[in-house]
């Protein structure tokens, strides 16, 4: 059916799907890098603040900041690990594929 209207339709759809998947992979990579960078900056600030308290002879406050911040960072990491994107559902076999549409009369 589609082959009569536009012979290259199936290939164009597949090309667009490949472009979309490539874009999503790149965005996942950028998202991962941004999260890692923000996490490292947050960790650096916690360490710097703790060191500042210790240098000012306030070790108890420094330890409190370090433990509380470590707990908060741990919660975010745990939440991130448990909230991953679920896998895409399998294709519905009752629906015709693009190849079936191209060969249909």
N, C-alpha and C. Protein backbone atom coordinates (compact mmCIF):
# COMPACT_ATOMS: atom_id res chain seq x y z
N UNK A 1 0.82 -1.19 0.00
CA UNK A 1 0.00 0.00 0.00
C UNK A 1 0.87 1.26 0.00
N UNK A 2 1.80 1.37 0.96
CA UNK A 2 2.65 2.56 1.03
C UNK A 2 3.63 2.60 -0.13
N UNK A 3 3.99 1.45 -0.66
CA UNK A 3 4.93 1.41 -1.78
C UNK A 3 4.36 2.09 -3.01
N UNK A 4 3.05 2.06 -3.17
CA UNK A 4 2.42 2.73 -4.32
C UNK A 4 2.44 4.25 -4.15
N UNK A 5 2.22 4.71 -2.95
CA UNK A 5 2.16 6.14 -2.69
C UNK A 5 3.56 6.75 -2.68
N UNK A 6 4.45 6.15 -1.91
CA UNK A 6 5.82 6.65 -1.79
C UNK A 6 6.74 5.45 -1.59
N UNK A 7 7.48 5.06 -2.62
CA UNK A 7 8.32 3.85 -2.52
C UNK A 7 9.39 3.95 -1.43
N UNK A 8 9.83 5.15 -1.08
CA UNK A 8 10.90 5.31 -0.09
C UNK A 8 10.37 5.58 1.30
N UNK A 9 9.07 5.45 1.52
CA UNK A 9 8.48 5.80 2.81
C UNK A 9 9.04 4.93 3.94
N UNK A 10 9.09 3.65 3.74
CA UNK A 10 9.58 2.75 4.79
C UNK A 10 11.01 3.07 5.18
N UNK A 11 11.86 3.32 4.19
CA UNK A 11 13.25 3.64 4.49
C UNK A 11 13.37 4.98 5.23
N UNK A 12 12.54 5.95 4.85
CA UNK A 12 12.56 7.23 5.55
C UNK A 12 12.14 7.09 7.00
N UNK A 13 11.14 6.26 7.27
CA UNK A 13 10.70 6.03 8.64
C UNK A 13 11.82 5.38 9.44
N UNK A 14 12.47 4.38 8.86
CA UNK A 14 13.58 3.72 9.56
C UNK A 14 14.73 4.69 9.80
N UNK A 15 15.03 5.55 8.83
CA UNK A 15 16.10 6.54 9.01
C UNK A 15 15.76 7.50 10.15
N UNK A 16 14.50 7.93 10.20
CA UNK A 16 14.10 8.84 11.28
C UNK A 16 14.17 8.17 12.64
N UNK A 17 13.83 6.88 12.69
CA UNK A 17 13.93 6.15 13.96
C UNK A 17 15.39 6.04 14.40
N UNK A 18 16.29 5.81 13.46
CA UNK A 18 17.71 5.73 13.79
C UNK A 18 18.23 7.08 14.29
N UNK A 19 17.80 8.15 13.63
CA UNK A 19 18.22 9.49 14.05
C UNK A 19 17.71 9.78 15.47
N UNK A 20 16.45 9.40 15.74
CA UNK A 20 15.88 9.61 17.07
C UNK A 20 16.63 8.82 18.13
N UNK A 21 16.94 7.56 17.85
CA UNK A 21 17.69 6.74 18.81
C UNK A 21 19.08 7.31 19.07
N UNK A 22 19.75 7.77 18.02
CA UNK A 22 21.07 8.38 18.18
C UNK A 22 20.98 9.62 19.05
N UNK A 23 19.95 10.43 18.83
CA UNK A 23 19.75 11.64 19.63
C UNK A 23 19.49 11.29 21.10
N UNK A 24 18.66 10.28 21.34
CA UNK A 24 18.37 9.89 22.72
C UNK A 24 19.61 9.35 23.42
N UNK A 25 20.45 8.60 22.70
CA UNK A 25 21.69 8.11 23.30
C UNK A 25 22.61 9.28 23.66
N UNK A 26 22.70 10.26 22.76
CA UNK A 26 23.54 11.43 23.05
C UNK A 26 23.00 12.21 24.24
N UNK A 27 21.69 12.39 24.30
CA UNK A 27 21.11 13.13 25.42
C UNK A 27 21.29 12.38 26.74
N UNK A 28 21.21 11.05 26.71
CA UNK A 28 21.49 10.27 27.92
C UNK A 28 22.93 10.49 28.37
N UNK A 29 23.85 10.53 27.42
CA UNK A 29 25.26 10.73 27.74
C UNK A 29 25.48 12.13 28.35
N UNK A 30 24.87 13.14 27.75
CA UNK A 30 25.00 14.51 28.26
C UNK A 30 24.38 14.60 29.66
N UNK A 31 23.24 13.96 29.84
CA UNK A 31 22.57 13.97 31.15
C UNK A 31 23.46 13.31 32.19
N UNK A 32 24.09 12.21 31.83
CA UNK A 32 24.98 11.51 32.75
C UNK A 32 26.18 12.39 33.10
N UNK A 33 26.77 13.06 32.12
CA UNK A 33 27.91 13.93 32.38
C UNK A 33 27.52 15.11 33.27
N UNK A 34 26.37 15.70 32.99
CA UNK A 34 25.93 16.84 33.80
C UNK A 34 25.68 16.41 35.25
N UNK A 35 25.05 15.26 35.43
CA UNK A 35 24.81 14.77 36.80
C UNK A 35 26.12 14.48 37.51
N UNK A 36 27.06 13.87 36.80
CA UNK A 36 28.35 13.55 37.42
C UNK A 36 29.09 14.83 37.81
N UNK A 37 29.06 15.83 36.93
CA UNK A 37 29.72 17.10 37.22
C UNK A 37 29.09 17.78 38.44
N UNK A 38 27.77 17.83 38.48
CA UNK A 38 27.10 18.45 39.62
C UNK A 38 27.39 17.70 40.91
N UNK A 39 27.44 16.38 40.83
CA UNK A 39 27.75 15.59 42.02
C UNK A 39 29.16 15.85 42.52
N UNK A 40 30.12 15.95 41.59
CA UNK A 40 31.50 16.24 42.00
C UNK A 40 31.62 17.63 42.60
N UNK A 41 30.92 18.60 42.02
CA UNK A 41 30.95 19.96 42.58
C UNK A 41 30.35 19.96 43.98
N UNK A 42 29.23 19.28 44.17
CA UNK A 42 28.60 19.22 45.49
C UNK A 42 29.52 18.55 46.50
N UNK A 43 30.16 17.47 46.08
CA UNK A 43 31.09 16.78 46.98
C UNK A 43 32.27 17.68 47.33
N UNK A 44 32.79 18.40 46.34
CA UNK A 44 33.90 19.32 46.60
C UNK A 44 33.52 20.42 47.57
N UNK A 45 32.30 20.95 47.42
CA UNK A 45 31.84 21.99 48.35
C UNK A 45 31.67 21.46 49.76
N UNK A 46 31.19 20.24 49.89
CA UNK A 46 31.04 19.64 51.22
C UNK A 46 32.40 19.46 51.87
N UNK A 47 33.35 18.94 51.10
CA UNK A 47 34.70 18.74 51.65
C UNK A 47 35.32 20.07 52.03
N UNK A 48 35.15 21.09 51.16
CA UNK A 48 35.71 22.41 51.46
C UNK A 48 35.08 23.00 52.73
N UNK A 49 33.75 22.88 52.87
CA UNK A 49 33.07 23.42 54.04
C UNK A 49 33.52 22.68 55.31
N UNK A 50 33.66 21.37 55.20
CA UNK A 50 34.12 20.60 56.35
C UNK A 50 35.53 21.02 56.75
N UNK A 51 36.40 21.18 55.76
CA UNK A 51 37.78 21.60 56.04
C UNK A 51 37.80 23.00 56.67
N UNK A 52 36.92 23.87 56.19
CA UNK A 52 36.84 25.22 56.75
C UNK A 52 36.47 25.16 58.24
N UNK A 53 35.46 24.34 58.58
CA UNK A 53 35.07 24.22 59.98
C UNK A 53 36.19 23.64 60.82
N UNK A 54 36.88 22.64 60.30
CA UNK A 54 37.98 22.03 61.05
C UNK A 54 39.11 23.04 61.25
N UNK A 55 39.42 23.83 60.22
CA UNK A 55 40.47 24.83 60.32
C UNK A 55 40.13 25.93 61.33
N UNK A 56 38.85 26.16 61.55
CA UNK A 56 38.41 27.18 62.50
C UNK A 56 38.21 26.59 63.90
N UNK A 57 38.71 25.38 64.12
CA UNK A 57 38.59 24.69 65.41
C UNK A 57 37.14 24.40 65.79
N UNK A 58 36.34 24.05 64.80
CA UNK A 58 34.96 23.64 65.02
C UNK A 58 34.75 22.26 64.40
N UNK A 59 35.50 21.30 64.91
CA UNK A 59 35.49 19.96 64.33
C UNK A 59 34.12 19.29 64.45
N UNK A 60 33.41 19.54 65.51
CA UNK A 60 32.10 18.91 65.70
C UNK A 60 31.12 19.38 64.63
N UNK A 61 31.11 20.69 64.37
CA UNK A 61 30.24 21.22 63.33
C UNK A 61 30.66 20.70 61.96
N UNK A 62 31.96 20.61 61.74
CA UNK A 62 32.45 20.08 60.47
C UNK A 62 32.02 18.64 60.26
N UNK A 63 32.11 17.84 61.31
CA UNK A 63 31.67 16.44 61.20
C UNK A 63 30.17 16.36 60.96
N UNK A 64 29.41 17.23 61.60
CA UNK A 64 27.95 17.24 61.39
C UNK A 64 27.61 17.58 59.94
N UNK A 65 28.26 18.59 59.41
CA UNK A 65 28.02 18.98 58.02
C UNK A 65 28.39 17.83 57.08
N UNK A 66 29.54 17.20 57.33
CA UNK A 66 30.01 16.13 56.48
C UNK A 66 29.05 14.93 56.50
N UNK A 67 28.61 14.55 57.68
CA UNK A 67 27.71 13.40 57.80
C UNK A 67 26.35 13.70 57.18
N UNK A 68 25.79 14.89 57.48
CA UNK A 68 24.48 15.24 56.93
C UNK A 68 24.54 15.33 55.41
N UNK A 69 25.58 15.95 54.88
CA UNK A 69 25.70 16.08 53.43
C UNK A 69 25.92 14.72 52.78
N UNK A 70 26.70 13.88 53.42
CA UNK A 70 26.90 12.53 52.89
C UNK A 70 25.61 11.75 52.84
N UNK A 71 24.77 11.94 53.84
CA UNK A 71 23.48 11.26 53.87
C UNK A 71 22.58 11.76 52.74
N UNK A 72 22.55 13.06 52.55
CA UNK A 72 21.72 13.64 51.48
C UNK A 72 22.21 13.18 50.12
N UNK A 73 23.52 13.20 49.90
CA UNK A 73 24.07 12.75 48.62
C UNK A 73 23.77 11.27 48.42
N UNK A 74 23.87 10.48 49.48
CA UNK A 74 23.54 9.06 49.38
C UNK A 74 22.10 8.82 48.99
N UNK A 75 21.20 9.64 49.53
CA UNK A 75 19.78 9.51 49.17
C UNK A 75 19.58 9.81 47.69
N UNK A 76 20.21 10.87 47.18
CA UNK A 76 20.07 11.21 45.76
C UNK A 76 20.64 10.11 44.88
N UNK A 77 21.78 9.56 45.25
CA UNK A 77 22.38 8.49 44.44
C UNK A 77 21.49 7.26 44.45
N UNK A 78 20.97 6.90 45.62
CA UNK A 78 20.09 5.74 45.71
C UNK A 78 18.82 5.96 44.90
N UNK A 79 18.26 7.16 44.97
CA UNK A 79 17.05 7.46 44.19
C UNK A 79 17.35 7.38 42.71
N UNK A 80 18.51 7.88 42.30
CA UNK A 80 18.86 7.85 40.88
C UNK A 80 19.02 6.41 40.39
N UNK A 81 19.60 5.55 41.22
CA UNK A 81 19.81 4.17 40.81
C UNK A 81 18.49 3.40 40.74
N UNK A 82 17.52 3.77 41.55
CA UNK A 82 16.25 3.05 41.55
C UNK A 82 15.25 3.63 40.57
N UNK A 83 15.46 4.83 40.05
CA UNK A 83 14.52 5.47 39.13
C UNK A 83 15.03 5.45 37.69
N UNK A 84 15.62 4.37 37.28
CA UNK A 84 16.08 4.29 35.89
C UNK A 84 14.89 4.09 34.97
N UNK A 85 15.08 4.49 33.71
CA UNK A 85 14.03 4.38 32.72
C UNK A 85 13.75 2.90 32.44
N UNK A 86 12.49 2.50 32.47
CA UNK A 86 12.17 1.09 32.21
C UNK A 86 12.44 0.76 30.74
N UNK A 87 12.70 -0.50 30.45
CA UNK A 87 12.92 -0.88 29.06
C UNK A 87 11.65 -0.69 28.25
N UNK A 88 11.82 -0.44 26.97
CA UNK A 88 10.65 -0.24 26.12
C UNK A 88 9.90 -1.56 25.97
N UNK A 89 8.58 -1.49 25.87
CA UNK A 89 7.80 -2.72 25.77
C UNK A 89 8.08 -3.41 24.43
N UNK A 90 7.92 -4.72 24.39
CA UNK A 90 8.16 -5.43 23.13
C UNK A 90 7.10 -5.05 22.10
N UNK A 91 7.45 -5.26 20.85
CA UNK A 91 6.53 -4.92 19.76
C UNK A 91 5.28 -5.80 19.83
N UNK A 92 4.15 -5.21 19.51
CA UNK A 92 2.89 -5.95 19.51
C UNK A 92 2.83 -6.78 18.23
N UNK A 93 2.81 -8.12 18.34
CA UNK A 93 2.81 -8.95 17.13
C UNK A 93 1.52 -8.85 16.34
N UNK A 94 0.45 -8.33 16.94
CA UNK A 94 -0.81 -8.22 16.19
C UNK A 94 -0.80 -7.02 15.25
N UNK A 95 0.11 -6.08 15.45
CA UNK A 95 0.20 -4.91 14.58
C UNK A 95 1.10 -5.22 13.38
N UNK A 96 0.74 -4.77 12.20
CA UNK A 96 1.59 -5.05 11.03
C UNK A 96 2.88 -4.23 11.09
N UNK A 97 3.95 -4.82 10.59
CA UNK A 97 5.23 -4.12 10.56
C UNK A 97 5.32 -3.29 9.29
N UNK A 98 6.35 -2.47 9.19
CA UNK A 98 6.55 -1.64 8.00
C UNK A 98 6.77 -2.53 6.79
N UNK A 99 7.51 -3.61 6.97
CA UNK A 99 7.75 -4.53 5.85
C UNK A 99 6.44 -5.13 5.36
N UNK A 100 5.51 -5.45 6.27
CA UNK A 100 4.22 -5.99 5.85
C UNK A 100 3.41 -4.95 5.09
N UNK A 101 3.51 -3.68 5.50
CA UNK A 101 2.76 -2.62 4.82
C UNK A 101 3.29 -2.39 3.41
N UNK A 102 4.59 -2.52 3.23
CA UNK A 102 5.17 -2.29 1.91
C UNK A 102 4.82 -3.39 0.94
N UNK A 103 4.64 -4.62 1.42
CA UNK A 103 4.36 -5.73 0.54
C UNK A 103 2.87 -5.96 0.36
N UNK A 104 2.03 -5.24 1.11
CA UNK A 104 0.59 -5.42 1.00
C UNK A 104 0.09 -4.90 -0.34
N UNK A 105 -0.92 -5.56 -0.91
CA UNK A 105 -1.44 -5.12 -2.23
C UNK A 105 -2.20 -3.83 -2.15
